[in-house]
Protein backbone atom coordinates (compact mmCIF):
# COMPACT_ATOMS: atom_id res chain seq x y z
CA MET A 1 11.46 -16.60 12.92
CA LYS A 2 8.16 -17.73 12.97
CA GLN A 3 6.96 -19.68 10.09
CA LEU A 4 5.98 -17.91 6.83
CA ALA A 5 2.15 -17.17 6.33
CA GLY A 6 -0.03 -14.88 5.09
CA ILE A 7 -0.18 -12.17 2.62
CA PHE A 8 3.07 -10.21 1.99
CA ALA A 9 2.76 -6.80 0.05
CA PRO A 10 4.96 -6.72 -3.09
CA VAL A 11 4.94 -2.53 -2.94
CA VAL A 12 6.20 -0.50 -5.87
CA SER A 13 8.97 1.77 -5.69
CA THR A 14 8.02 5.32 -5.32
CA PHE A 15 9.03 8.19 -7.78
CA SER A 16 8.79 12.00 -8.02
CA GLN A 17 6.52 13.10 -10.48
CA THR A 18 8.85 16.09 -11.50
CA THR A 19 12.52 14.58 -11.02
CA GLY A 20 11.81 10.69 -11.42
CA ASP A 21 14.12 10.81 -8.39
CA VAL A 22 12.68 8.27 -4.98
CA ASP A 23 9.75 9.60 -3.10
CA ALA A 24 10.72 8.06 0.01
CA ALA A 25 8.14 9.86 2.07
CA ALA A 26 5.41 8.18 -0.13
CA PHE A 27 6.85 4.69 -0.26
CA ALA A 28 6.42 5.35 3.64
CA SER A 29 2.94 6.36 3.37
CA ASN A 30 1.98 3.63 1.17
CA ILE A 31 3.27 1.22 3.22
CA GLN A 32 1.60 2.42 6.82
CA ALA A 33 -1.59 2.09 4.27
CA HIS A 34 -0.78 -1.66 3.43
CA LEU A 35 -0.20 -2.65 6.73
CA ALA A 36 -2.90 -1.09 8.76
CA ALA A 37 -4.66 -2.85 5.83
CA GLY A 38 -4.29 -6.00 7.79
CA LEU A 39 -1.20 -7.08 5.35
CA ASP A 40 1.04 -9.45 7.34
CA GLY A 41 4.22 -8.08 5.46
CA ILE A 42 5.82 -6.03 3.25
CA VAL A 43 8.47 -7.11 -0.04
CA VAL A 44 10.60 -4.43 -1.09
CA THR A 45 12.79 -4.68 -4.31
CA GLY A 46 10.78 -7.29 -5.97
CA SER A 47 9.96 -7.64 -9.10
CA THR A 48 6.58 -5.10 -8.74
CA GLY A 49 8.79 -2.47 -7.18
CA GLU A 50 10.73 -2.20 -10.41
CA ALA A 51 14.18 -3.73 -8.77
CA ALA A 52 16.02 -4.05 -12.02
CA LEU A 53 16.01 0.06 -12.95
CA LEU A 54 17.05 1.16 -9.80
CA ASP A 55 20.74 1.29 -8.59
CA PHE A 56 22.27 0.63 -5.25
CA GLU A 57 22.23 3.86 -3.45
CA GLU A 58 18.37 3.65 -4.73
CA ARG A 59 17.78 0.09 -3.02
CA GLY A 60 18.77 1.02 0.29
CA ILE A 61 16.91 3.99 0.31
CA PHE A 62 13.59 2.36 -0.04
CA VAL A 63 14.68 -0.06 2.44
CA ASP A 64 15.37 2.11 5.06
CA ALA A 65 12.45 3.81 4.15
CA ALA A 66 9.96 0.57 4.95
CA ARG A 67 12.22 -0.51 8.37
CA SER A 68 11.66 3.13 9.36
CA VAL A 69 7.44 1.95 9.15
CA VAL A 70 7.62 -1.81 9.20
CA PRO A 71 7.01 -2.90 13.10
CA ASP A 72 8.53 -5.80 14.69
CA ASP A 73 4.76 -7.42 14.07
CA LYS A 74 5.65 -7.66 10.76
CA MET A 75 7.74 -8.84 8.11
CA LEU A 76 10.51 -6.76 6.10
CA ILE A 77 12.42 -8.80 2.86
CA VAL A 78 14.11 -7.24 0.66
CA GLY A 79 14.26 -8.41 -3.01
CA THR A 80 18.24 -8.92 -3.40
CA GLY A 81 18.62 -11.06 -6.66
CA ALA A 82 21.30 -10.61 -8.95
CA GLU A 83 22.56 -11.75 -12.08
CA SER A 84 26.26 -12.64 -10.02
CA THR A 85 26.50 -14.29 -6.46
CA ARG A 86 28.94 -11.52 -5.79
CA MET A 87 26.43 -9.01 -6.46
CA CYS A 88 23.73 -10.98 -5.18
CA LEU A 89 25.50 -11.15 -1.83
CA ARG A 90 26.38 -7.31 -1.84
CA LEU A 91 22.88 -6.66 -1.56
CA THR A 92 21.84 -9.13 0.49
CA ARG A 93 24.42 -8.13 2.74
CA ASP A 94 23.53 -4.67 2.55
CA ALA A 95 19.86 -5.60 2.97
CA ALA A 96 20.38 -7.12 6.15
CA LYS A 97 22.31 -4.41 7.64
CA ARG A 98 19.92 -1.89 6.89
CA GLY A 99 17.16 -4.55 9.01
CA ALA A 100 15.65 -6.96 6.52
CA ASP A 101 14.23 -9.72 7.88
CA ALA A 102 14.42 -11.83 5.24
CA VAL A 103 15.65 -11.76 1.81
CA LEU A 104 13.86 -12.91 -1.81
CA VAL A 105 16.33 -14.33 -4.39
CA VAL A 106 14.99 -14.57 -7.80
CA ALA A 107 16.96 -16.91 -9.59
CA PRO A 108 19.60 -15.62 -12.35
CA HIS A 109 18.93 -15.36 -15.10
CA TYR A 110 20.48 -13.50 -18.14
CA TYR A 111 22.28 -16.47 -19.51
CA SER A 112 19.54 -18.65 -18.89
CA SER A 113 21.09 -21.65 -20.95
CA ALA A 114 23.63 -21.78 -18.85
CA MET A 115 21.78 -22.25 -15.36
CA THR A 116 22.14 -25.56 -15.14
CA ILE A 117 20.67 -27.54 -11.88
CA ASP A 118 24.75 -27.82 -10.44
CA ALA A 119 24.53 -23.68 -11.17
CA LEU A 120 21.79 -22.85 -9.37
CA ARG A 121 22.79 -25.07 -6.58
CA ALA A 122 26.26 -23.56 -5.69
CA HIS A 123 24.34 -20.24 -6.52
CA TYR A 124 21.83 -20.45 -3.81
CA ARG A 125 23.57 -22.33 -1.59
CA ARG A 126 26.62 -19.65 -1.28
CA ILE A 127 23.91 -17.29 -0.53
CA ALA A 128 22.32 -19.24 2.25
CA ASP A 129 25.53 -19.85 3.83
CA GLU A 130 26.83 -16.28 4.06
CA SER A 131 23.28 -14.53 4.24
CA SER A 132 22.79 -13.23 8.27
CA VAL A 133 19.24 -13.58 7.23
CA PRO A 134 17.01 -15.70 5.93
CA VAL A 135 16.34 -16.46 2.49
CA LEU A 136 13.56 -17.27 0.18
CA LEU A 137 13.97 -18.94 -2.56
CA TYR A 138 11.84 -16.89 -5.98
CA ASN A 139 10.82 -18.54 -9.17
CA ILE A 140 9.15 -16.48 -11.67
CA PRO A 141 9.45 -17.89 -15.22
CA LYS A 142 7.59 -15.00 -16.74
CA TYR A 143 11.00 -12.89 -16.25
CA MET A 144 13.66 -15.73 -15.64
CA HIS A 145 12.09 -18.22 -18.91
CA PHE A 146 12.91 -21.50 -16.88
CA ALA A 147 11.51 -22.56 -13.55
CA LEU A 148 13.54 -23.99 -10.78
CA PRO A 149 13.60 -27.46 -10.30
CA ALA A 150 11.06 -29.41 -8.25
CA GLU A 151 14.46 -31.42 -6.79
CA LEU A 152 16.45 -28.34 -6.38
CA VAL A 153 13.91 -27.00 -4.13
CA ALA A 154 13.46 -30.02 -2.45
CA GLU A 155 17.29 -29.88 -1.56
CA LEU A 156 17.59 -26.48 -0.69
CA ALA A 157 14.54 -26.59 1.40
CA GLN A 158 16.68 -28.91 3.98
CA HIS A 159 19.38 -25.83 4.30
CA GLU A 160 18.53 -23.85 7.83
CA ASN A 161 18.27 -20.78 6.30
CA VAL A 162 16.14 -20.86 3.74
CA ILE A 163 12.87 -20.42 4.60
CA GLY A 164 10.30 -20.66 1.73
CA ILE A 165 10.01 -20.03 -2.11
CA LYS A 166 7.83 -17.72 -3.76
CA ASP A 167 6.26 -19.48 -6.99
CA SER A 168 4.90 -16.57 -9.59
CA SER A 169 4.74 -19.27 -12.52
CA GLY A 170 0.53 -20.15 -11.56
CA ASN A 171 0.98 -23.06 -13.72
CA ALA A 172 -0.91 -25.80 -10.97
CA ASP A 173 1.32 -28.85 -11.84
CA LEU A 174 4.71 -26.69 -11.24
CA PHE A 175 3.41 -25.31 -8.13
CA SER A 176 2.12 -28.66 -7.07
CA GLY A 177 6.26 -29.86 -7.65
CA PHE A 178 7.15 -27.16 -5.00
CA LEU A 179 4.13 -28.75 -1.88
CA PRO A 180 6.23 -31.42 -0.61
CA ALA A 181 9.43 -29.30 -0.03
CA GLN A 182 6.60 -27.86 2.52
CA SER A 183 8.05 -28.52 6.35
CA ASP A 184 7.74 -26.82 9.69
CA THR A 185 11.02 -24.67 8.49
CA PHE A 186 10.14 -24.10 4.88
CA SER A 187 6.42 -22.33 3.11
CA VAL A 188 5.28 -22.28 -0.68
CA LEU A 189 4.03 -19.45 -1.13
CA THR A 190 2.23 -18.70 -4.46
CA GLY A 191 3.11 -15.10 -6.02
CA ASN A 192 -0.08 -15.42 -8.56
CA GLY A 193 -3.32 -13.43 -8.03
CA PRO A 194 -5.80 -15.02 -10.54
CA PHE A 195 -4.42 -18.63 -8.65
CA TRP A 196 -4.64 -17.37 -5.11
CA GLN A 197 -7.17 -19.70 -4.19
CA LYS A 198 -6.21 -22.46 -5.60
CA ALA A 199 -3.28 -22.25 -4.35
CA LEU A 200 -4.28 -21.81 -0.76
CA ALA A 201 -6.48 -25.13 -1.34
CA ALA A 202 -3.23 -26.61 -2.51
CA GLY A 203 -2.03 -26.42 0.64
CA ALA A 204 0.23 -22.98 0.30
CA ARG A 205 0.52 -20.72 3.21
CA GLY A 206 0.19 -17.54 1.76
CA GLY A 207 1.05 -15.16 -0.99
CA ILE A 208 3.19 -12.29 -1.84
CA LEU A 209 0.26 -10.69 -4.63
CA ALA A 210 0.36 -7.60 -6.05
CA MET A 211 -3.09 -7.27 -6.19
CA SER A 212 -3.15 -7.21 -2.47
CA LEU A 213 -1.65 -3.22 -3.20
CA PHE A 214 -5.05 -2.37 -4.51
CA ALA A 215 -6.94 -4.76 -3.00
CA PRO A 216 -5.83 -5.86 0.45
CA ALA A 217 -9.07 -6.29 2.00
CA LEU A 218 -10.89 -8.88 -0.46
CA SER A 219 -7.34 -10.54 -0.96
CA ARG A 220 -7.64 -11.01 2.82
CA ASP A 221 -11.11 -11.95 3.02
CA VAL A 222 -10.13 -14.75 0.48
CA TYR A 223 -7.53 -16.35 2.46
CA GLU A 224 -9.20 -16.24 5.97
CA ALA A 225 -12.22 -18.09 4.67
CA MET A 226 -9.91 -20.59 3.25
CA GLN A 227 -7.89 -20.41 6.93
CA ARG A 228 -11.56 -21.51 8.49
CA GLY A 229 -12.69 -24.40 5.50
CA ASP A 230 -15.40 -22.29 4.14
CA VAL A 231 -14.01 -23.35 0.73
CA SER A 232 -17.13 -21.56 -1.23
CA THR A 233 -17.53 -18.50 0.41
CA ALA A 234 -13.23 -18.09 -0.78
CA VAL A 235 -14.25 -19.33 -4.27
CA ALA A 236 -17.05 -16.66 -4.11
CA LEU A 237 -14.49 -13.89 -3.16
CA HIS A 238 -11.65 -14.69 -5.58
CA GLU A 239 -13.98 -14.82 -8.58
CA ARG A 240 -14.21 -11.07 -7.80
CA LEU A 241 -10.60 -10.58 -8.04
CA THR A 242 -9.75 -12.67 -10.83
CA PRO A 243 -10.62 -10.00 -13.24
CA PRO A 244 -8.39 -6.90 -12.16
CA GLY A 245 -5.48 -9.72 -10.55
CA GLY A 246 -4.65 -11.18 -14.18
CA ARG A 247 -5.82 -7.37 -16.28
CA ILE A 248 -4.23 -5.28 -13.80
CA VAL A 249 -0.40 -7.08 -12.59
CA GLY A 250 -1.05 -9.92 -15.35
CA ASP A 251 -1.94 -8.50 -18.81
CA PHE A 252 -0.31 -4.41 -17.97
CA GLY A 253 2.37 -5.50 -15.74
CA VAL A 254 3.77 -2.80 -13.22
CA PRO A 255 1.87 0.47 -14.73
CA GLY A 256 -1.15 -1.25 -14.26
CA VAL A 257 -0.31 -1.74 -10.49
CA LYS A 258 1.01 2.00 -10.24
CA ALA A 259 -2.26 3.00 -12.08
CA ALA A 260 -4.59 1.14 -9.63
CA MET A 261 -3.57 2.41 -6.62
CA ASP A 262 -3.50 5.80 -7.79
CA ALA A 263 -6.69 5.29 -8.75
CA VAL A 264 -7.92 3.84 -5.03
CA GLY A 265 -6.35 7.15 -3.27
CA LEU A 266 -2.46 5.95 -2.87
CA TYR A 267 0.53 6.66 -4.83
CA GLY A 268 1.24 4.88 -7.58
CA GLY A 269 2.97 7.38 -9.05
CA PRO A 270 5.24 7.08 -12.65
CA VAL A 271 6.78 4.70 -13.81
CA ARG A 272 10.34 4.28 -14.90
CA SER A 273 12.02 4.39 -18.20
CA PRO A 274 12.28 2.30 -20.32
CA LEU A 275 8.25 1.06 -18.89
CA MET A 276 5.75 3.44 -20.51
CA PRO A 277 2.81 4.77 -18.41
CA LEU A 278 -0.34 3.16 -19.30
CA ALA A 279 -2.47 4.87 -22.02
CA SER A 280 -5.92 6.93 -21.18
CA ALA A 281 -7.89 3.59 -22.64
CA GLN A 282 -6.18 1.21 -20.18
CA GLN A 283 -7.04 3.72 -17.30
CA SER A 284 -10.42 3.71 -17.69
CA GLU A 285 -9.98 -0.44 -18.32
CA VAL A 286 -8.44 -0.55 -14.59
CA ARG A 287 -10.66 2.29 -13.20
CA GLU A 288 -13.95 -0.06 -14.61
CA LEU A 289 -12.60 -3.64 -13.68
CA LEU A 290 -11.86 -2.07 -9.84
CA ARG A 291 -15.02 -0.54 -9.76
CA THR A 292 -16.84 -3.76 -11.37
CA ALA A 293 -14.72 -5.58 -8.55
CA GLU A 294 -16.43 -3.22 -5.93
CA LEU A 295 -12.85 -2.18 -5.29
CA ALA A 296 -13.46 1.36 -5.82
CA THR A 297 -16.09 3.67 -6.08
CA PHE A 298 -15.86 6.09 -9.05
């Protein structure tokens, strides 16, 4: 597998406005638009994809729909994290069978106080040992209520089947602790939009960015400016991204991302209960943030 780098879209899971069932056609259409906008790959059934609210069969439908439209030169990553190692392995095997190029595995976190470094090591090593496709670690303290220890990440990075980590913390110190593990075969990616340019400056090879779902071109422009060493341009571009990235993704979460996608002409659609759609005032705020950042005209 080629080195993991670039921008990957953590796609939303699309549901019918009337029934709430999976809308695979809208899902595939969104993915085609994301890839046409120049993104390097797709992440299905991640946090932005409401993975925690999907059943096993629905996850399979989304992976199949993605695989049908993601070409071989783009990467399809599937979120397979679960609370038990057994279920994570089941999801991982199913994703691989359906054509995933790699899997993204968030740490088990319901029993957070029991997630010692030994427990996490045993979990991740078993997934990496038994998975037929490469594994990415996923650190998101906002939901996990703890962070993966840097020393564990460095250890797991030596495993031949572990190819990277997505760190969504937005914490510069925590992020910098993962960077020494980066190598020719292990990449450090950010999942935090407001931290995007700073992560690249620190050495990140790319990002899995929810804001790229509604701001793909601008996200890409920041990346390309940093790649050619034009830091001042990257910083200026990123200043436009920071307000919508922080508010729409960071504060409003999945409902905000879906509202933004609807606003820019893609299909966000309804969120799944118990998530709630944005209030009308919040929807207006989303549109104003997009307009101010020159991401849409209204």
